[in-house]
Amino acid sequence: MTTYVISVPGTFTVNVGQETRAEFIRALRPADPRHTHLGHDEDLDILTVNDDGTFTARVTIDADSGPEAEREARGYAEAALDAVGLDRNDAPLGPAVITGIDSDE
């Protein structure tokens, strides 16, 4: 099993206030990349939101392969969006990509 740091891009197509963003971050928090060496060293934020509504959620996933980690990360981000009341039309996600692989070195 390997720990992957995965970036999941998306776009808020509705106005998402600070409170909803904070709830989204709380929903993502258990998979915070800062809990890994890579996330801590690179100072990775769990959520970055741009002025145009695009965002990137960064999560850690333990998986046997990169493709499995990417699928799980996307599912995790979708579940976090659901938890704050946003559906796939409110915040469509792009393809998840591996940002890094955590190591103990």
Protein backbone atom coordinates (compact mmCIF):
# COMPACT_ATOMS: atom_id res chain seq x y z
CA MET A 1 0.00 0.00 0.00
CA THR A 2 1.31 3.43 -0.96
CA THR A 3 0.22 6.87 0.24
CA TYR A 4 -0.56 9.16 -2.69
CA VAL A 5 -1.22 12.88 -2.63
CA ILE A 6 -3.93 13.48 -5.22
CA SER A 7 -5.21 16.77 -6.68
CA VAL A 8 -8.84 16.91 -7.76
CA PRO A 9 -9.74 20.02 -9.78
CA GLY A 10 -13.23 21.41 -10.06
CA THR A 11 -15.32 24.50 -10.68
CA PHE A 12 -17.96 26.05 -8.47
CA THR A 13 -20.75 26.99 -10.88
CA VAL A 14 -22.83 28.54 -8.10
CA ASN A 15 -21.88 31.18 -5.58
CA VAL A 16 -20.15 29.37 -2.71
CA GLY A 17 -19.67 31.46 0.40
CA GLN A 18 -16.96 31.26 3.02
CA GLU A 19 -19.12 29.11 5.31
CA THR A 20 -19.70 26.47 2.61
CA ARG A 21 -16.00 26.49 1.73
CA ALA A 22 -15.14 25.99 5.40
CA GLU A 23 -17.60 23.08 5.59
CA PHE A 24 -16.05 21.57 2.45
CA ILE A 25 -12.58 21.83 4.01
CA ARG A 26 -13.87 20.15 7.19
CA ALA A 27 -15.33 17.33 5.08
CA LEU A 28 -11.96 16.88 3.35
CA ARG A 29 -9.89 17.27 6.54
CA PRO A 30 -9.43 13.55 7.37
CA ALA A 31 -7.43 13.22 4.13
CA ASP A 32 -5.41 16.44 4.61
CA PRO A 33 -2.11 16.20 2.71
CA ARG A 34 -0.32 18.12 5.47
CA HIS A 35 -0.47 14.90 7.49
CA THR A 36 2.16 13.48 5.09
CA HIS A 37 5.83 14.35 4.71
CA LEU A 38 5.24 15.64 1.18
CA GLY A 39 2.23 17.73 2.14
CA HIS A 40 4.03 19.22 5.12
CA ASP A 41 7.28 19.88 3.24
CA GLU A 42 5.48 21.41 0.25
CA ASP A 43 2.95 23.25 2.47
CA LEU A 44 0.03 21.88 0.44
CA ASP A 45 -3.35 23.40 1.18
CA ILE A 46 -6.27 21.01 1.28
CA LEU A 47 -8.33 23.45 -0.82
CA THR A 48 -7.35 26.27 -3.14
CA VAL A 49 -10.10 28.40 -4.70
CA ASN A 50 -9.40 30.90 -7.48
CA ASP A 51 -11.32 34.11 -8.22
CA ASP A 52 -13.03 32.50 -11.22
CA GLY A 53 -14.54 29.70 -9.09
CA THR A 54 -12.10 27.01 -10.11
CA PHE A 55 -10.67 25.02 -7.24
CA THR A 56 -8.28 22.22 -6.40
CA ALA A 57 -8.86 19.81 -3.53
CA ARG A 58 -5.77 17.92 -2.39
CA VAL A 59 -6.18 14.68 -0.46
CA THR A 60 -4.11 11.71 0.62
CA ILE A 61 -5.19 8.24 -0.33
CA ASP A 62 -3.67 4.88 0.61
CA ALA A 63 -3.95 2.57 -2.37
CA ASP A 64 -2.20 -0.24 -4.21
CA SER A 65 -1.92 1.70 -7.48
CA GLY A 66 -2.05 5.21 -8.91
CA PRO A 67 -5.27 4.68 -10.88
CA GLU A 68 -6.96 3.24 -7.78
CA ALA A 69 -5.81 6.25 -5.72
CA GLU A 70 -7.13 8.67 -8.35
CA ARG A 71 -10.57 6.96 -8.38
CA GLU A 72 -10.74 6.96 -4.59
CA ALA A 73 -9.71 10.63 -4.38
CA ARG A 74 -12.39 11.66 -6.84
CA GLY A 75 -14.98 9.68 -4.87
CA TYR A 76 -13.76 11.27 -1.64
CA ALA A 77 -14.10 14.77 -3.13
CA GLU A 78 -17.58 13.95 -4.46
CA ALA A 79 -18.63 12.71 -1.01
CA ALA A 80 -17.30 15.91 0.61
CA LEU A 81 -19.27 18.03 -1.88
CA ASP A 82 -22.39 15.97 -1.16
CA ALA A 83 -21.85 16.52 2.57
CA VAL A 84 -22.05 20.29 2.10
CA GLY A 85 -25.08 20.14 -0.21
CA LEU A 86 -23.37 20.69 -3.56
CA ASP A 87 -24.22 18.38 -6.45
CA ARG A 88 -22.28 17.54 -9.63
CA ASN A 89 -23.81 20.53 -11.45
CA ASP A 90 -22.88 22.95 -8.65
CA ALA A 91 -19.25 21.79 -8.60
CA PRO A 92 -18.25 19.54 -11.49
CA LEU A 93 -14.91 17.81 -10.98
CA GLY A 94 -12.12 17.25 -13.46
CA PRO A 95 -9.82 14.26 -13.61
CA ALA A 96 -7.88 13.49 -10.44
CA VAL A 97 -4.09 13.49 -10.81
CA ILE A 98 -1.26 12.25 -8.64
CA THR A 99 0.54 15.25 -7.13
CA GLY A 100 3.08 13.12 -5.28
CA ILE A 101 3.87 9.91 -3.50
CA ASP A 102 4.60 10.19 0.20
CA SER A 103 7.70 8.59 1.60
CA ASP A 104 9.32 8.37 5.01
CA GLU A 105 12.61 9.80 3.75
